[in-house]
Amino acid sequence: MLSRYDGDWMRSYQQELGTLLEQGVRVLIFAGDADFLCNWQGIFKTTTLLKWKGQRQYTSARKQLWKSEAKGGSSVLGSRVSAAGLTFLRVFKAGHMVPRDQPAAAAQLFDDFLHGRV
């Protein structure tokens, strides 16, 4: 017997990202650098292999530090690569559950993305 929750399962949409980017949809992919289930290096490599018109621009983009400019000074939250609508963020000192491990960084991540800063 099928459960009514069978549709709520992990699915890969990686093959759709190029199409979304081609249509002008900005894409954010992030990973914690202490995640042993989904390592950030493999996720980043996947972003460099996406086939789309901005691939060359993205793969030649310079890696930058991602910082918070919160009250009390600047702090480094991770690193980022961003070009042509695609952003990859590596969140420092975070595991598989970035919002649990680094809640302030997770809030900054979404705020930065929604406001076009990354």
Protein backbone atom coordinates (compact mmCIF):
# COMPACT_ATOMS: atom_id res chain seq x y z
CA MET A 1 0.00 0.00 0.00
CA LEU A 2 1.31 3.42 -0.92
CA SER A 3 1.67 6.00 1.78
CA ARG A 4 0.10 9.39 1.16
CA TYR A 5 3.53 10.89 1.81
CA ASP A 6 5.38 8.98 -0.93
CA GLY A 7 5.59 12.16 -3.01
CA ASP A 8 7.60 13.95 -0.31
CA TRP A 9 10.97 12.43 -1.05
CA MET A 10 14.36 13.64 -2.29
CA ARG A 11 14.48 14.33 -5.99
CA SER A 12 17.29 15.58 -8.17
CA TYR A 13 16.55 18.76 -10.07
CA GLN A 14 20.13 19.39 -11.08
CA GLN A 15 19.29 18.78 -14.75
CA GLU A 16 16.71 21.60 -14.57
CA LEU A 17 19.04 24.31 -13.21
CA GLY A 18 20.50 25.23 -16.60
CA THR A 19 16.99 25.80 -17.96
CA LEU A 20 16.06 27.99 -15.00
CA LEU A 21 19.24 30.03 -15.38
CA GLU A 22 18.62 30.40 -19.11
CA GLN A 23 15.17 31.81 -18.27
CA GLY A 24 16.69 34.43 -15.96
CA VAL A 25 15.83 32.75 -12.66
CA ARG A 26 18.56 33.44 -10.10
CA VAL A 27 19.79 30.29 -8.36
CA LEU A 28 21.46 29.98 -4.96
CA ILE A 29 23.19 26.78 -3.89
CA PHE A 30 24.84 26.57 -0.49
CA ALA A 31 26.63 24.00 1.64
CA GLY A 32 28.23 23.85 5.06
CA ASP A 33 31.95 23.15 4.99
CA ALA A 34 31.64 20.63 7.86
CA ASP A 35 28.90 18.55 6.18
CA PHE A 36 30.09 14.96 5.90
CA LEU A 37 26.94 13.78 4.07
CA CYS A 38 27.05 16.25 1.17
CA ASN A 39 30.56 17.64 0.89
CA TRP A 40 30.84 21.21 -0.29
CA GLN A 41 33.61 20.43 -2.79
CA GLY A 42 31.40 17.99 -4.69
CA ILE A 43 28.45 20.37 -4.65
CA PHE A 44 30.63 23.21 -5.91
CA LYS A 45 32.07 20.99 -8.66
CA THR A 46 28.51 20.16 -9.74
CA THR A 47 27.78 23.88 -10.15
CA THR A 48 30.80 24.26 -12.45
CA LEU A 49 29.56 21.43 -14.68
CA LEU A 50 26.07 22.87 -15.29
CA LYS A 51 25.44 23.40 -18.99
CA TRP A 52 24.05 26.88 -19.70
CA LYS A 53 25.03 30.07 -21.50
CA GLY A 54 26.64 31.55 -18.35
CA GLN A 55 28.81 28.52 -17.59
CA ARG A 56 32.08 30.06 -18.84
CA GLN A 57 31.43 33.30 -16.93
CA TYR A 58 30.61 31.34 -13.75
CA THR A 59 33.59 28.99 -13.93
CA SER A 60 35.98 31.90 -14.47
CA ALA A 61 34.48 33.96 -11.62
CA ARG A 62 36.79 34.68 -8.72
CA LYS A 63 36.06 33.10 -5.35
CA GLN A 64 35.37 35.79 -2.74
CA LEU A 65 34.93 35.91 1.00
CA TRP A 66 31.33 36.24 2.09
CA LYS A 67 31.05 38.63 5.02
CA SER A 68 28.47 39.98 7.41
CA GLU A 69 28.45 43.70 7.99
CA ALA A 70 26.34 43.40 11.16
CA LYS A 71 26.59 45.74 14.11
CA GLY A 72 29.93 45.51 15.83
CA GLY A 73 32.04 45.03 12.72
CA SER A 74 32.58 42.67 9.86
CA SER A 75 32.84 38.90 10.20
CA VAL A 76 33.62 36.26 7.59
CA LEU A 77 30.75 33.79 7.18
CA GLY A 78 32.07 31.77 4.26
CA SER A 79 33.11 32.03 0.65
CA ARG A 80 31.16 32.53 -2.54
CA VAL A 81 31.33 32.27 -6.29
CA SER A 82 28.71 34.19 -8.21
CA ALA A 83 28.15 35.06 -11.87
CA ALA A 84 25.37 35.20 -14.45
CA GLY A 85 22.59 34.43 -11.96
CA LEU A 86 24.21 31.47 -10.20
CA THR A 87 25.65 31.75 -6.69
CA PHE A 88 27.39 29.07 -4.64
CA LEU A 89 27.98 29.83 -0.96
CA ARG A 90 30.23 27.77 1.30
CA VAL A 91 29.16 28.42 4.88
CA PHE A 92 32.02 28.13 7.36
CA LYS A 93 31.61 25.99 10.50
CA ALA A 94 28.28 24.54 9.37
CA GLY A 95 27.25 20.96 8.79
CA HIS A 96 24.32 19.47 6.90
CA MET A 97 21.82 21.70 8.71
CA VAL A 98 23.23 25.17 8.03
CA PRO A 99 20.36 27.06 9.74
CA ARG A 100 20.81 25.02 12.93
CA ASP A 101 24.61 25.23 12.97
CA GLN A 102 24.97 28.86 11.86
CA PRO A 103 21.58 30.57 12.28
CA ALA A 104 22.90 34.11 11.84
CA ALA A 105 24.80 33.11 8.69
CA ALA A 106 21.70 31.32 7.32
CA ALA A 107 19.57 34.42 7.89
CA GLN A 108 22.23 36.55 6.20
CA LEU A 109 22.44 34.09 3.31
CA PHE A 110 18.74 34.36 2.50
CA ASP A 111 18.62 38.10 3.10
CA ASP A 112 21.64 38.65 0.81
CA PHE A 113 20.11 36.48 -1.92
CA LEU A 114 16.66 38.03 -1.74
CA HIS A 115 18.15 41.53 -1.93
CA GLY A 116 20.54 40.68 -4.78
CA ARG A 117 23.76 41.03 -2.81
CA VAL A 118 24.94 37.54 -3.75
